Amino acid sequence: MKKWKPISALFLAFAIILGLAGCSFRPGGGDKAQNHLYYLNSSGDQIVAVDYSFGAADPAEQAMELVGMQSQDPVESGLQHLLPDGVTIDECTLDGTQLHINLSKPLSDYVTTGKMLIVGGLVRTFIQIDGVDSVRITEAGKPLCDLEGNELDSLTLDDFIENAGKSINNYLYTTMTLYFADATGTHLQAEQRKVYYSSNEPMEKAVVEALIQGPTTEGLYPVLPSDSTVLSTHISGSSSSSSSARSSSDDSGKVVSDSASGRVCYVSFDKNVQNTVNNVSEEVSLYAVVDSLVDTCGVDRVQFSINGENNTAFRSKISLSQQFEKKEL
């Protein structure tokens, strides 16, 4: 176990000098791997990534670089640090592949909203350290909890859906049932995943984005191309479990109304979804989305479109002019 306690100004200054020696904080920093520093925008509702290159290869020194940068002015104007004034990182402990950082004071004493946005930014920052797979955050030595009181122990990037690059304001917490391919690419297997997703987007969109992100369970395989994009989602209709209806147009402005009863989820992808994923069959890719939305969001059927059009076929084999119900594969 390695432990660092950056508790003095002199120690922090040393860490910053160490980071500045031999690296550029802007793009083009030599042959070193490109990483990022993460900040909040001026309104505090969005994580902003700024290119950064580590000046050291040792994990302890990389941790000190990142801790040191938390006490310096942001490298670009219009940005603010993840941590509010009055809160510092006073301890870093590396135990195997998990990094523990202890905050000097509770975040909730300084922010009323956006706490999980800060946590997501910290995880994204420190998980860049060589060999670190997860991050545990404590506040004044006590376990960190989200706004619902859930204790947060070991966090990875897989715990957050769309936690960078978009306005977020806050995270919602949910358990998703996601379906991915087995080793043969012809059958689906379920994965239960507890995640935080942006309160600014509907759950069904977060579900599809989690599928694009890929599985976290060993032995399961991706079903959608990693470069595919969800252009829009909306749910309309009602069922015995929900009488409310939601609707919105996709990016092309086209809304397709359903005439059948029950809740229908409309999902529009960009053209990249047509690319194949390893040896996964077309049917497995499509029904992974359908089954995940049915089980997690309580819809009855799913209607797909590509760039707003559904008079086409999915990978030239499955017509998208129909609505799909859950199917066991």
Protein backbone atom coordinates (compact mmCIF):
# COMPACT_ATOMS: atom_id res chain seq x y z
CA MET A 1 0.00 0.00 0.00
CA LYS A 2 1.28 3.45 -0.94
CA LYS A 3 0.08 6.55 0.83
CA TRP A 4 0.54 10.24 0.15
CA LYS A 5 -0.72 13.12 2.29
CA PRO A 6 -0.41 16.42 0.39
CA ILE A 7 -1.18 18.59 3.40
CA SER A 8 1.36 21.40 3.12
CA ALA A 9 1.78 24.22 0.63
CA LEU A 10 5.45 23.29 0.20
CA PHE A 11 4.55 19.70 -0.66
CA LEU A 12 1.94 20.85 -3.16
CA ALA A 13 4.40 23.22 -4.74
CA PHE A 14 6.86 20.37 -5.16
CA ALA A 15 4.17 18.26 -6.81
CA ILE A 16 3.34 21.02 -9.27
CA ILE A 17 7.00 21.59 -10.15
CA LEU A 18 7.37 17.86 -10.66
CA GLY A 19 4.43 17.88 -13.04
CA LEU A 20 5.64 20.93 -14.94
CA ALA A 21 9.12 19.54 -15.48
CA GLY A 22 9.26 17.66 -18.73
CA CYS A 23 5.68 17.90 -20.00
CA SER A 24 3.31 20.23 -21.76
CA PHE A 25 -0.21 20.77 -20.45
CA ARG A 26 -1.45 21.58 -23.93
CA PRO A 27 -1.82 19.31 -26.97
CA GLY A 28 1.37 18.04 -28.48
CA GLY A 29 3.22 17.16 -25.31
CA GLY A 30 5.73 14.87 -27.00
CA ASP A 31 5.34 11.11 -27.03
CA LYS A 32 3.61 10.94 -23.66
CA ALA A 33 0.09 9.53 -23.56
CA GLN A 34 -2.59 12.22 -23.77
CA ASN A 35 -4.82 12.55 -20.74
CA HIS A 36 -7.10 15.29 -19.46
CA LEU A 37 -7.68 17.70 -16.64
CA TYR A 38 -11.34 18.04 -15.74
CA TYR A 39 -13.06 21.25 -14.70
CA LEU A 40 -16.56 22.66 -14.35
CA ASN A 41 -17.82 25.31 -16.72
CA SER A 42 -18.63 28.79 -15.41
CA SER A 43 -22.20 27.83 -14.49
CA GLY A 44 -21.10 24.62 -12.77
CA ASP A 45 -23.41 22.30 -14.71
CA GLN A 46 -20.99 20.71 -17.15
CA ILE A 47 -17.68 18.86 -17.00
CA VAL A 48 -15.06 20.24 -19.38
CA ALA A 49 -11.98 18.24 -20.43
CA VAL A 50 -8.69 19.99 -21.15
CA ASP A 51 -5.79 18.08 -22.74
CA TYR A 52 -3.03 17.17 -20.32
CA SER A 53 0.11 15.02 -20.43
CA PHE A 54 1.62 13.47 -17.32
CA GLY A 55 5.19 14.50 -16.66
CA ALA A 56 5.93 11.34 -14.67
CA ALA A 57 5.47 7.62 -15.18
CA ASP A 58 5.32 6.58 -11.52
CA PRO A 59 1.73 6.35 -10.18
CA ALA A 60 2.66 8.20 -6.96
CA GLU A 61 4.04 11.12 -8.92
CA GLN A 62 1.06 11.12 -11.28
CA ALA A 63 -1.25 11.34 -8.28
CA MET A 64 0.73 14.28 -6.95
CA GLU A 65 0.48 16.06 -10.30
CA LEU A 66 -3.29 15.75 -10.29
CA VAL A 67 -3.63 16.76 -6.65
CA GLY A 68 -1.34 19.72 -7.24
CA MET A 69 -3.38 20.90 -10.22
CA GLN A 70 -6.46 21.05 -7.99
CA SER A 71 -4.89 23.99 -6.14
CA GLN A 72 -3.88 25.95 -9.25
CA ASP A 73 -5.95 28.29 -11.37
CA PRO A 74 -7.66 26.50 -14.30
CA VAL A 75 -5.50 26.40 -17.40
CA GLU A 76 -8.24 28.10 -19.44
CA SER A 77 -10.47 31.07 -18.66
CA GLY A 78 -14.15 30.50 -17.99
CA LEU A 79 -13.52 27.29 -16.03
CA GLN A 80 -13.64 26.46 -12.35
CA HIS A 81 -12.19 23.62 -10.31
CA LEU A 82 -14.20 20.53 -9.52
CA LEU A 83 -13.81 21.08 -5.78
CA PRO A 84 -15.49 24.12 -4.24
CA ASP A 85 -13.43 26.65 -2.30
CA GLY A 86 -12.75 25.30 1.17
CA VAL A 87 -12.53 21.65 0.13
CA THR A 88 -9.15 20.05 -0.60
CA ILE A 89 -7.74 16.58 -1.11
CA ASP A 90 -5.75 15.86 2.03
CA GLU A 91 -4.91 12.19 1.48
CA CYS A 92 -4.25 9.77 -1.38
CA THR A 93 -3.88 6.04 -0.75
CA LEU A 94 -3.18 3.47 -3.44
CA ASP A 95 -4.22 -0.05 -2.43
CA GLY A 96 -3.66 -2.41 -5.32
CA THR A 97 -5.66 -1.04 -8.24
CA GLN A 98 -7.93 1.17 -6.12
CA LEU A 99 -7.10 4.79 -5.33
CA HIS A 100 -8.60 6.28 -2.18
CA ILE A 101 -8.85 10.05 -1.93
CA ASN A 102 -10.07 11.75 1.24
CA LEU A 103 -11.66 15.18 0.97
CA SER A 104 -11.02 17.60 3.81
CA LYS A 105 -14.72 18.46 4.23
CA PRO A 106 -18.11 17.14 3.04
CA LEU A 107 -19.13 18.39 -0.39
CA SER A 108 -22.73 18.81 0.77
CA ASP A 109 -21.58 21.62 3.10
CA TYR A 110 -20.67 23.67 0.03
CA VAL A 111 -22.94 22.55 -2.82
CA THR A 112 -26.68 21.91 -2.77
CA THR A 113 -26.84 20.42 -6.26
CA GLY A 114 -24.26 18.92 -8.57
CA LYS A 115 -22.52 16.81 -5.92
CA MET A 116 -22.49 13.73 -8.12
CA LEU A 117 -21.24 15.82 -11.03
CA ILE A 118 -18.18 16.67 -8.93
CA VAL A 119 -17.77 13.04 -7.91
CA GLY A 120 -17.95 11.93 -11.54
CA GLY A 121 -15.30 14.45 -12.48
CA LEU A 122 -12.99 13.29 -9.69
CA VAL A 123 -13.36 9.66 -10.73
CA ARG A 124 -12.65 10.53 -14.35
CA THR A 125 -9.59 12.53 -13.24
CA PHE A 126 -7.86 10.06 -10.94
CA ILE A 127 -8.68 6.87 -12.79
CA GLN A 128 -6.21 8.07 -15.43
CA ILE A 129 -3.32 7.17 -13.11
CA ASP A 130 -1.40 4.16 -14.37
CA GLY A 131 -2.72 0.96 -12.81
CA VAL A 132 -5.78 2.52 -11.16
CA ASP A 133 -9.05 0.74 -11.98
CA SER A 134 -11.36 2.28 -9.38
CA VAL A 135 -11.59 5.28 -7.06
CA ARG A 136 -12.95 5.46 -3.52
CA ILE A 137 -13.80 8.88 -2.14
CA THR A 138 -14.35 9.75 1.51
CA GLU A 139 -15.30 13.07 3.11
CA ALA A 140 -13.38 13.95 6.28
CA GLY A 141 -12.77 10.23 6.73
CA LYS A 142 -16.44 9.24 6.39
CA PRO A 143 -17.94 7.27 3.49
CA LEU A 144 -19.21 9.32 0.56
CA CYS A 145 -22.96 9.04 -0.11
CA ASP A 146 -25.04 10.24 -3.04
CA LEU A 147 -28.11 12.44 -2.70
CA GLU A 148 -30.32 9.39 -2.04
CA GLY A 149 -28.09 8.22 0.81
CA ASN A 150 -26.49 5.36 -1.13
CA GLU A 151 -22.96 4.76 0.15
CA LEU A 152 -20.38 4.93 -2.64
CA ASP A 153 -17.47 2.56 -2.25
CA SER A 154 -15.58 1.68 -5.41
CA LEU A 155 -16.37 3.85 -8.44
CA THR A 156 -15.31 3.39 -12.06
CA LEU A 157 -16.20 5.09 -15.33
CA ASP A 158 -18.80 2.37 -15.88
CA ASP A 159 -20.81 3.81 -12.97
CA PHE A 160 -21.53 6.99 -14.94
CA ILE A 161 -23.43 7.41 -18.19
CA GLU A 162 -22.63 10.56 -20.17
CA ASN A 163 -20.76 12.28 -17.35
CA ALA A 164 -18.67 14.57 -19.53
CA GLY A 165 -19.14 17.05 -22.33
CA LYS A 166 -22.82 17.87 -21.74
CA SER A 167 -24.84 19.96 -19.33
CA ILE A 168 -25.88 17.68 -16.51
CA ASN A 169 -26.83 19.62 -13.34
CA ASN A 170 -27.33 16.39 -11.40
CA TYR A 171 -27.26 12.61 -11.61
CA LEU A 172 -30.07 10.14 -11.07
CA TYR A 173 -29.37 6.68 -9.70
CA THR A 174 -30.96 3.53 -11.05
CA THR A 175 -30.46 -0.18 -11.63
CA MET A 176 -30.53 -1.21 -15.28
CA THR A 177 -31.05 -4.64 -16.77
CA LEU A 178 -28.85 -4.65 -19.86
CA TYR A 179 -28.46 -7.41 -22.41
CA PHE A 180 -25.19 -8.24 -24.14
CA ALA A 181 -23.94 -11.01 -26.40
CA ASP A 182 -22.45 -14.27 -25.26
CA ALA A 183 -19.22 -15.68 -26.70
CA THR A 184 -21.03 -17.14 -29.70
CA GLY A 185 -22.66 -13.85 -30.67
CA THR A 186 -26.03 -15.60 -31.10
CA HIS A 187 -27.51 -15.41 -27.58
CA LEU A 188 -28.22 -12.68 -25.05
CA GLN A 189 -27.25 -12.60 -21.40
CA ALA A 190 -28.45 -10.08 -18.82
CA GLU A 191 -26.22 -7.81 -16.76
CA GLN A 192 -27.51 -5.90 -13.75
CA ARG A 193 -25.78 -2.54 -13.49
CA LYS A 194 -26.23 0.27 -10.97
CA VAL A 195 -25.43 3.55 -12.69
CA TYR A 196 -25.72 7.31 -12.43
CA TYR A 197 -27.14 9.09 -15.45
CA SER A 198 -27.82 12.72 -16.29
CA SER A 199 -31.07 14.14 -14.95
CA ASN A 200 -31.29 16.12 -18.20
CA GLU A 201 -31.89 13.02 -20.32
CA PRO A 202 -34.62 10.35 -20.17
CA MET A 203 -33.80 6.97 -18.73
CA GLU A 204 -34.40 5.19 -22.04
CA LYS A 205 -31.64 7.23 -23.69
CA ALA A 206 -29.28 6.40 -20.82
CA VAL A 207 -30.08 2.69 -21.27
CA VAL A 208 -29.11 2.74 -24.95
CA GLU A 209 -25.97 4.75 -24.18
CA ALA A 210 -25.02 2.17 -21.56
CA LEU A 211 -25.35 -0.53 -24.23
CA ILE A 212 -23.04 1.45 -26.50
CA GLN A 213 -20.60 1.78 -23.60
CA GLY A 214 -20.43 -2.01 -23.46
CA PRO A 215 -20.58 -4.70 -20.76
CA THR A 216 -18.69 -4.71 -17.48
CA THR A 217 -19.13 -8.43 -16.80
CA GLU A 218 -16.45 -10.86 -17.95
CA GLY A 219 -17.73 -13.23 -20.63
CA LEU A 220 -20.20 -10.73 -22.11
CA TYR A 221 -19.55 -8.85 -25.36
CA PRO A 222 -20.67 -5.54 -26.94
CA VAL A 223 -23.75 -5.51 -29.12
CA LEU A 224 -23.53 -2.01 -30.62
CA PRO A 225 -20.64 -0.16 -32.27
CA SER A 226 -18.78 2.07 -29.83
CA ASP A 227 -18.96 4.99 -32.29
CA SER A 228 -22.72 4.83 -32.78
CA THR A 229 -24.80 7.75 -31.50
CA VAL A 230 -28.29 7.94 -30.07
CA LEU A 231 -29.91 10.86 -31.88
CA SER A 232 -33.13 10.80 -29.87
CA THR A 233 -35.47 8.71 -27.76
CA HIS A 234 -39.01 9.15 -26.52
CA ILE A 235 -41.77 7.04 -25.02
CA SER A 236 -45.44 7.41 -25.91
CA GLY A 237 -48.59 5.52 -25.02
CA SER A 238 -49.66 4.03 -21.72
CA SER A 239 -49.95 0.65 -20.04
CA SER A 240 -51.31 -0.77 -16.82
CA SER A 241 -48.07 0.18 -15.08
CA SER A 242 -47.98 3.77 -16.36
CA SER A 243 -50.65 6.07 -17.74
CA SER A 244 -48.27 8.92 -18.56
CA ALA A 245 -46.93 9.55 -22.03
CA ARG A 246 -43.85 11.36 -23.20
CA SER A 247 -42.97 12.43 -26.70
CA SER A 248 -40.38 14.47 -28.53
CA SER A 249 -39.19 14.82 -32.07
CA ASP A 250 -35.90 13.35 -33.20
CA ASP A 251 -33.08 15.36 -34.74
CA SER A 252 -34.74 15.27 -38.17
CA GLY A 253 -37.96 16.71 -36.73
CA LYS A 254 -39.91 13.58 -37.59
CA VAL A 255 -42.27 12.03 -35.05
CA VAL A 256 -43.91 8.70 -35.77
CA SER A 257 -47.08 8.12 -33.78
CA ASP A 258 -48.16 4.66 -32.70
CA SER A 259 -51.68 3.41 -33.20
CA ALA A 260 -51.45 0.33 -31.00
CA SER A 261 -52.02 0.32 -27.25
CA GLY A 262 -49.21 0.10 -24.76
CA ARG A 263 -46.01 2.05 -24.25
CA VAL A 264 -43.75 2.32 -27.27
CA CYS A 265 -40.16 3.54 -27.10
CA TYR A 266 -38.86 5.28 -30.22
CA VAL A 267 -35.10 5.18 -30.72
CA SER A 268 -33.25 6.96 -33.50
CA PHE A 269 -29.59 6.09 -34.22
CA ASP A 270 -27.07 7.58 -36.58
CA LYS A 271 -25.78 5.51 -39.49
CA ASN A 272 -22.86 4.07 -37.48
CA VAL A 273 -25.24 1.63 -35.81
CA GLN A 274 -25.28 -0.24 -39.10
CA ASN A 275 -21.68 -1.35 -38.60
CA THR A 276 -21.23 -4.91 -37.40
CA VAL A 277 -19.72 -5.75 -34.00
CA ASN A 278 -17.35 -8.72 -34.06
CA ASN A 279 -19.38 -11.89 -34.68
CA VAL A 280 -22.60 -10.64 -33.09
CA SER A 281 -25.66 -11.41 -35.20
CA GLU A 282 -28.02 -8.67 -36.39
CA GLU A 283 -30.86 -10.14 -34.35
CA VAL A 284 -28.80 -10.17 -31.14
CA SER A 285 -27.76 -6.52 -31.63
CA LEU A 286 -31.32 -5.37 -32.21
CA TYR A 287 -33.01 -7.39 -29.46
CA ALA A 288 -30.34 -6.42 -26.94
CA VAL A 289 -31.76 -2.90 -27.21
CA VAL A 290 -35.37 -4.07 -27.21
CA ASP A 291 -35.04 -6.38 -24.21
CA SER A 292 -33.01 -3.84 -22.21
CA LEU A 293 -35.64 -1.12 -22.76
CA VAL A 294 -38.54 -3.45 -21.97
CA ASP A 295 -36.99 -4.71 -18.72
CA THR A 296 -35.55 -1.41 -17.49
CA CYS A 297 -38.06 1.17 -18.70
CA GLY A 298 -41.25 -0.90 -18.68
CA VAL A 299 -42.14 -0.32 -22.32
CA ASP A 300 -44.09 -2.84 -24.39
CA ARG A 301 -42.48 -2.37 -27.79
CA VAL A 302 -39.62 -0.54 -29.49
CA GLN A 303 -39.61 1.29 -32.82
CA PHE A 304 -36.25 2.04 -34.44
CA SER A 305 -35.17 4.59 -37.00
CA ILE A 306 -31.85 5.58 -38.52
CA ASN A 307 -31.32 9.30 -38.98
CA GLY A 308 -35.05 9.69 -38.38
CA GLU A 309 -36.13 7.22 -41.07
CA ASN A 310 -37.65 3.80 -40.42
CA ASN A 311 -38.34 2.76 -44.02
CA THR A 312 -35.02 0.97 -44.09
CA ALA A 313 -33.42 -2.23 -42.84
CA PHE A 314 -31.10 -2.89 -39.95
CA ARG A 315 -27.85 -4.09 -41.50
CA SER A 316 -29.79 -4.95 -44.68
CA LYS A 317 -31.58 -7.87 -43.00
CA ILE A 318 -34.25 -6.72 -40.51
CA SER A 319 -36.93 -4.27 -41.60
CA LEU A 320 -37.32 -1.32 -39.23
CA SER A 321 -40.85 -0.51 -40.38
CA GLN A 322 -42.21 -2.70 -37.57
CA GLN A 323 -42.35 -2.42 -33.79
CA PHE A 324 -40.41 -5.01 -31.80
CA GLU A 325 -41.43 -6.81 -28.63
CA LYS A 326 -39.13 -8.57 -26.20
CA LYS A 327 -37.69 -11.80 -27.51
CA GLU A 328 -35.67 -14.41 -25.67
CA LEU A 329 -32.48 -15.25 -27.55
